[in-house]
């Protein structure tokens, strides 16, 4: 299921942060990325979300003219009240998100037990 469908307000806030950082590649990915699994550590209050690229098909006419490919194997800190870090793979695609104050996010995702590890 798309992360933006599960956490619309949270993802909208993160998209704004990405735009402010000039990370349009991450902003676009937040619209389509899918949640595959999530974990929560109650002792540290850290939530981990495993992600996979969305299945949205981008038509060549709609694709932005990229001057350079997105940075690969990144660990991007997004300044958010929950303390969010996004990890990308060797192609610049989001693969994992760590939320330092993830209690609220874990509670929301807890309703979607099929996504729990």
N, C-alpha and C. Protein backbone atom coordinates (compact mmCIF):
# COMPACT_ATOMS: atom_id res chain seq x y z
N UNK A 1 0.84 -1.17 0.00
CA UNK A 1 0.00 0.00 0.00
C UNK A 1 0.89 1.24 0.00
N UNK A 2 0.45 2.27 -0.69
CA UNK A 2 1.23 3.51 -0.77
C UNK A 2 1.31 4.18 0.60
N UNK A 3 2.50 4.65 0.91
CA UNK A 3 2.73 5.31 2.19
C UNK A 3 1.88 6.57 2.33
N UNK A 4 1.68 7.29 1.24
CA UNK A 4 0.90 8.53 1.27
C UNK A 4 -0.58 8.23 1.58
N UNK A 5 -1.05 7.03 1.25
CA UNK A 5 -2.43 6.66 1.58
C UNK A 5 -2.57 6.32 3.06
N UNK A 6 -1.50 5.76 3.64
CA UNK A 6 -1.53 5.38 5.05
C UNK A 6 -1.30 6.57 5.98
N UNK A 7 -0.39 7.48 5.57
CA UNK A 7 0.01 8.61 6.41
C UNK A 7 -0.02 9.91 5.61
N UNK A 8 -1.17 10.34 5.13
CA UNK A 8 -1.23 11.48 4.22
C UNK A 8 -0.67 12.78 4.78
N UNK A 9 -1.00 13.13 6.02
CA UNK A 9 -0.51 14.39 6.59
C UNK A 9 0.99 14.36 6.82
N UNK A 10 1.47 13.26 7.37
CA UNK A 10 2.90 13.10 7.64
C UNK A 10 3.71 13.18 6.34
N UNK A 11 3.26 12.49 5.30
CA UNK A 11 3.98 12.49 4.03
C UNK A 11 3.92 13.86 3.38
N UNK A 12 2.80 14.55 3.48
CA UNK A 12 2.71 15.91 2.93
C UNK A 12 3.72 16.83 3.61
N UNK A 13 3.86 16.69 4.92
CA UNK A 13 4.85 17.49 5.65
C UNK A 13 6.27 17.18 5.18
N UNK A 14 6.55 15.90 4.96
CA UNK A 14 7.88 15.51 4.50
C UNK A 14 8.15 16.00 3.07
N UNK A 15 7.12 16.02 2.24
CA UNK A 15 7.29 16.54 0.88
C UNK A 15 7.66 18.02 0.91
N UNK A 16 7.06 18.76 1.82
CA UNK A 16 7.39 20.19 1.94
C UNK A 16 8.85 20.35 2.37
N UNK A 17 9.28 19.53 3.32
CA UNK A 17 10.67 19.59 3.78
C UNK A 17 11.62 19.27 2.61
N UNK A 18 11.29 18.26 1.82
CA UNK A 18 12.12 17.89 0.67
C UNK A 18 12.19 19.02 -0.35
N UNK A 19 11.07 19.68 -0.58
CA UNK A 19 11.05 20.81 -1.52
C UNK A 19 11.95 21.93 -1.01
N UNK A 20 11.90 22.20 0.29
CA UNK A 20 12.74 23.24 0.86
C UNK A 20 14.23 22.91 0.74
N UNK A 21 14.54 21.62 0.76
CA UNK A 21 15.93 21.17 0.60
C UNK A 21 16.35 21.10 -0.87
N UNK A 22 15.38 21.29 -1.77
CA UNK A 22 15.67 21.16 -3.19
C UNK A 22 15.76 19.72 -3.64
N UNK A 23 15.19 18.80 -2.88
CA UNK A 23 15.23 17.38 -3.20
C UNK A 23 13.93 16.95 -3.85
N UNK A 24 13.75 17.40 -5.08
CA UNK A 24 12.53 17.10 -5.83
C UNK A 24 12.43 15.60 -6.13
N UNK A 25 13.57 14.93 -6.24
CA UNK A 25 13.56 13.49 -6.48
C UNK A 25 12.88 12.75 -5.33
N UNK A 26 13.14 13.18 -4.10
CA UNK A 26 12.49 12.54 -2.95
C UNK A 26 11.02 12.94 -2.85
N UNK A 27 10.72 14.19 -3.18
CA UNK A 27 9.32 14.64 -3.15
C UNK A 27 8.47 13.76 -4.06
N UNK A 28 8.95 13.50 -5.27
CA UNK A 28 8.20 12.66 -6.21
C UNK A 28 8.06 11.24 -5.69
N UNK A 29 9.12 10.72 -5.10
CA UNK A 29 9.06 9.34 -4.60
C UNK A 29 8.04 9.19 -3.47
N UNK A 30 7.88 10.21 -2.63
CA UNK A 30 6.91 10.12 -1.55
C UNK A 30 5.49 9.96 -2.08
N UNK A 31 5.23 10.35 -3.31
CA UNK A 31 3.89 10.20 -3.89
C UNK A 31 3.59 8.76 -4.27
N UNK A 32 4.62 7.96 -4.52
CA UNK A 32 4.39 6.62 -5.04
C UNK A 32 4.98 5.49 -4.21
N UNK A 33 5.90 5.80 -3.29
CA UNK A 33 6.58 4.75 -2.54
C UNK A 33 5.58 3.93 -1.73
N UNK A 34 5.86 2.62 -1.65
CA UNK A 34 4.96 1.70 -0.95
C UNK A 34 5.62 1.17 0.31
N UNK A 35 4.82 0.97 1.34
CA UNK A 35 5.29 0.40 2.59
C UNK A 35 5.23 -1.11 2.48
N UNK A 36 6.36 -1.78 2.76
CA UNK A 36 6.38 -3.24 2.72
C UNK A 36 6.36 -3.85 4.12
N UNK A 37 6.96 -3.14 5.09
CA UNK A 37 6.98 -3.63 6.47
C UNK A 37 7.34 -2.48 7.39
N UNK A 38 7.01 -2.64 8.66
CA UNK A 38 7.39 -1.63 9.64
C UNK A 38 7.64 -2.30 10.98
N UNK A 39 8.56 -1.72 11.74
CA UNK A 39 8.85 -2.20 13.08
C UNK A 39 8.88 -1.00 14.02
N UNK A 40 8.73 -1.29 15.30
CA UNK A 40 8.76 -0.24 16.31
C UNK A 40 9.42 -0.79 17.56
N UNK A 41 10.37 -0.05 18.10
CA UNK A 41 11.05 -0.41 19.33
C UNK A 41 10.52 0.49 20.43
N UNK A 42 9.74 -0.07 21.34
CA UNK A 42 9.10 0.72 22.40
C UNK A 42 10.12 1.31 23.37
N UNK A 43 11.27 0.66 23.54
CA UNK A 43 12.29 1.19 24.46
C UNK A 43 12.92 2.48 23.94
N UNK A 44 13.21 2.51 22.65
CA UNK A 44 13.85 3.69 22.07
C UNK A 44 12.87 4.62 21.38
N UNK A 45 11.64 4.13 21.15
CA UNK A 45 10.57 4.86 20.44
C UNK A 45 10.93 5.12 18.98
N UNK A 46 11.75 4.27 18.41
CA UNK A 46 12.17 4.41 17.01
C UNK A 46 11.33 3.49 16.13
N UNK A 47 10.80 4.06 15.06
CA UNK A 47 10.05 3.28 14.07
C UNK A 47 10.91 3.15 12.82
N UNK A 48 10.88 1.98 12.22
CA UNK A 48 11.58 1.72 10.96
C UNK A 48 10.53 1.32 9.93
N UNK A 49 10.56 1.97 8.78
CA UNK A 49 9.65 1.64 7.69
C UNK A 49 10.47 1.13 6.52
N UNK A 50 10.13 -0.03 6.01
CA UNK A 50 10.78 -0.55 4.80
C UNK A 50 9.92 -0.18 3.61
N UNK A 51 10.59 0.33 2.60
CA UNK A 51 9.88 0.88 1.45
C UNK A 51 10.32 0.23 0.15
N UNK A 52 9.46 0.33 -0.85
CA UNK A 52 9.85 -0.09 -2.20
C UNK A 52 9.28 0.94 -3.17
N UNK A 53 9.94 1.10 -4.30
CA UNK A 53 9.45 2.08 -5.27
C UNK A 53 8.02 1.77 -5.68
N UNK A 54 7.25 2.81 -5.89
CA UNK A 54 5.87 2.63 -6.33
C UNK A 54 5.82 2.10 -7.74
N UNK A 55 4.67 1.65 -8.12
CA UNK A 55 4.49 1.05 -9.44
C UNK A 55 3.96 2.05 -10.47
N UNK A 56 4.02 3.33 -10.13
CA UNK A 56 3.53 4.35 -11.06
C UNK A 56 4.42 4.37 -12.30
N UNK A 57 3.79 4.45 -13.44
CA UNK A 57 4.52 4.49 -14.70
C UNK A 57 4.64 5.95 -15.12
N UNK A 58 5.85 6.36 -15.37
CA UNK A 58 6.10 7.74 -15.80
C UNK A 58 6.27 7.73 -17.31
N UNK A 59 5.44 8.49 -17.98
CA UNK A 59 5.55 8.61 -19.44
C UNK A 59 6.73 9.51 -19.77
N UNK A 60 7.43 9.24 -20.85
CA UNK A 60 8.57 10.08 -21.21
C UNK A 60 8.23 11.56 -21.29
N UNK A 61 7.05 11.91 -21.76
CA UNK A 61 6.66 13.32 -21.88
C UNK A 61 6.48 13.95 -20.50
N UNK A 62 6.06 13.13 -19.50
CA UNK A 62 5.85 13.64 -18.15
C UNK A 62 7.12 13.65 -17.31
N UNK A 63 8.11 12.89 -17.73
CA UNK A 63 9.33 12.77 -16.95
C UNK A 63 10.10 14.09 -16.96
N UNK A 64 10.55 14.52 -15.79
CA UNK A 64 11.33 15.76 -15.74
C UNK A 64 12.69 15.55 -16.41
N UNK A 65 13.21 16.60 -16.96
CA UNK A 65 14.51 16.52 -17.60
C UNK A 65 15.58 16.53 -16.51
N UNK A 66 16.08 15.37 -16.19
CA UNK A 66 17.07 15.24 -15.12
C UNK A 66 18.45 15.52 -15.68
N UNK A 67 19.13 16.47 -15.06
CA UNK A 67 20.49 16.79 -15.49
C UNK A 67 21.46 15.75 -14.95
N UNK A 68 21.19 15.28 -13.74
CA UNK A 68 22.02 14.27 -13.11
C UNK A 68 21.12 13.24 -12.44
N UNK A 69 21.60 12.03 -12.31
CA UNK A 69 20.80 11.05 -11.58
C UNK A 69 20.77 11.42 -10.09
N UNK A 70 19.75 10.96 -9.35
CA UNK A 70 19.71 11.27 -7.92
C UNK A 70 20.89 10.63 -7.21
N UNK A 71 21.35 11.23 -6.12
CA UNK A 71 22.46 10.64 -5.37
C UNK A 71 22.12 9.24 -4.89
N UNK A 72 23.11 8.36 -4.89
CA UNK A 72 22.90 6.97 -4.50
C UNK A 72 23.41 6.71 -3.09
N UNK A 73 22.85 5.69 -2.46
CA UNK A 73 23.27 5.26 -1.12
C UNK A 73 23.38 6.43 -0.14
N UNK A 74 22.31 7.17 -0.07
CA UNK A 74 22.28 8.36 0.79
C UNK A 74 21.58 8.07 2.10
N UNK A 75 21.89 8.89 3.06
CA UNK A 75 21.24 8.88 4.36
C UNK A 75 20.84 10.34 4.59
N UNK A 76 19.58 10.69 4.25
CA UNK A 76 19.13 12.08 4.24
C UNK A 76 18.33 12.38 5.50
N UNK A 77 18.78 13.38 6.25
CA UNK A 77 18.06 13.82 7.44
C UNK A 77 17.04 14.87 7.02
N UNK A 78 15.77 14.61 7.33
CA UNK A 78 14.69 15.55 7.02
C UNK A 78 14.29 16.21 8.33
N UNK A 79 14.40 17.50 8.39
CA UNK A 79 14.09 18.23 9.62
C UNK A 79 12.57 18.24 9.84
N UNK A 80 12.16 17.38 10.74
CA UNK A 80 10.75 17.21 11.07
C UNK A 80 10.66 16.99 12.58
N UNK A 81 9.54 17.30 13.17
CA UNK A 81 9.40 17.18 14.63
C UNK A 81 9.60 15.75 15.12
N UNK A 82 9.44 14.75 14.24
CA UNK A 82 9.63 13.36 14.63
C UNK A 82 11.07 12.89 14.42
N UNK A 83 11.89 13.67 13.77
CA UNK A 83 13.26 13.25 13.49
C UNK A 83 13.29 12.13 12.46
N UNK A 84 13.26 12.49 11.19
CA UNK A 84 13.13 11.51 10.11
C UNK A 84 14.42 11.43 9.31
N UNK A 85 14.82 10.19 9.03
CA UNK A 85 15.98 9.94 8.20
C UNK A 85 15.56 8.98 7.09
N UNK A 86 15.87 9.33 5.85
CA UNK A 86 15.52 8.52 4.69
C UNK A 86 16.80 7.91 4.13
N UNK A 87 16.76 6.62 3.86
CA UNK A 87 17.91 5.90 3.32
C UNK A 87 17.57 5.48 1.89
N UNK A 88 18.50 5.74 0.96
CA UNK A 88 18.27 5.37 -0.44
C UNK A 88 19.21 4.24 -0.86
N UNK A 89 18.83 3.57 -1.93
CA UNK A 89 19.65 2.48 -2.45
C UNK A 89 20.66 3.01 -3.46
N UNK A 90 21.33 2.11 -4.17
CA UNK A 90 22.37 2.54 -5.11
C UNK A 90 21.82 3.17 -6.39
N UNK A 91 20.49 3.27 -6.50
CA UNK A 91 19.86 3.96 -7.64
C UNK A 91 19.14 5.22 -7.20
N UNK A 92 19.30 5.61 -5.93
CA UNK A 92 18.66 6.81 -5.43
C UNK A 92 17.21 6.64 -5.04
N UNK A 93 16.74 5.38 -4.94
CA UNK A 93 15.35 5.11 -4.56
C UNK A 93 15.24 4.91 -3.06
N UNK A 94 14.17 5.42 -2.48
CA UNK A 94 13.96 5.23 -1.04
C UNK A 94 13.81 3.75 -0.74
N UNK A 95 14.54 3.30 0.27
CA UNK A 95 14.39 1.90 0.67
C UNK A 95 14.02 1.74 2.14
N UNK A 96 14.30 2.79 2.94
CA UNK A 96 14.01 2.68 4.36
C UNK A 96 13.86 4.08 4.95
N UNK A 97 13.03 4.17 5.98
CA UNK A 97 12.85 5.43 6.70
C UNK A 97 12.94 5.12 8.19
N UNK A 98 13.72 5.93 8.90
CA UNK A 98 13.85 5.80 10.35
C UNK A 98 13.21 7.03 10.98
N UNK A 99 12.33 6.81 11.94
CA UNK A 99 11.63 7.90 12.61
C UNK A 99 11.99 7.84 14.09
N UNK A 100 12.78 8.82 14.55
CA UNK A 100 13.30 8.82 15.92
C UNK A 100 12.19 8.87 16.96
N UNK A 101 11.20 9.68 16.75
CA UNK A 101 10.05 9.77 17.66
C UNK A 101 8.86 9.14 16.95
N UNK A 102 8.93 7.81 16.77
CA UNK A 102 7.98 7.12 15.91
C UNK A 102 6.76 6.54 16.57
N UNK A 103 6.49 6.89 17.82
CA UNK A 103 5.36 6.31 18.53
C UNK A 103 4.04 6.55 17.81
N UNK A 104 3.78 7.79 17.45
CA UNK A 104 2.51 8.12 16.80
C UNK A 104 2.37 7.43 15.44
N UNK A 105 3.45 7.41 14.68
CA UNK A 105 3.43 6.75 13.37
C UNK A 105 3.19 5.26 13.55
N UNK A 106 3.85 4.64 14.52
CA UNK A 106 3.67 3.21 14.78
C UNK A 106 2.23 2.89 15.18
N UNK A 107 1.62 3.78 15.96
CA UNK A 107 0.23 3.57 16.36
C UNK A 107 -0.70 3.61 15.16
N UNK A 108 -0.48 4.57 14.27
CA UNK A 108 -1.31 4.65 13.07
C UNK A 108 -1.12 3.41 12.21
N UNK A 109 0.12 3.00 12.01
CA UNK A 109 0.40 1.83 11.18
C UNK A 109 -0.03 0.54 11.86
N UNK A 110 -0.16 0.55 13.18
CA UNK A 110 -0.60 -0.63 13.90
C UNK A 110 -1.97 -1.11 13.49
N UNK A 111 -2.76 -0.20 12.96
CA UNK A 111 -4.09 -0.57 12.47
C UNK A 111 -4.02 -1.41 11.20
N UNK A 112 -2.87 -1.40 10.56
CA UNK A 112 -2.68 -2.14 9.31
C UNK A 112 -1.79 -3.34 9.62
N UNK A 113 -2.33 -4.29 10.38
CA UNK A 113 -1.55 -5.40 10.89
C UNK A 113 -0.92 -6.25 9.78
N UNK A 114 -1.48 -6.25 8.61
CA UNK A 114 -0.90 -7.03 7.52
C UNK A 114 0.49 -6.50 7.14
N UNK A 115 0.80 -5.27 7.51
CA UNK A 115 2.08 -4.69 7.19
C UNK A 115 3.11 -4.88 8.29
N UNK A 116 2.71 -5.40 9.42
CA UNK A 116 3.64 -5.58 10.55
C UNK A 116 4.55 -6.76 10.30
N UNK A 117 5.76 -6.68 10.84
CA UNK A 117 6.70 -7.82 10.75
C UNK A 117 6.34 -8.87 11.75
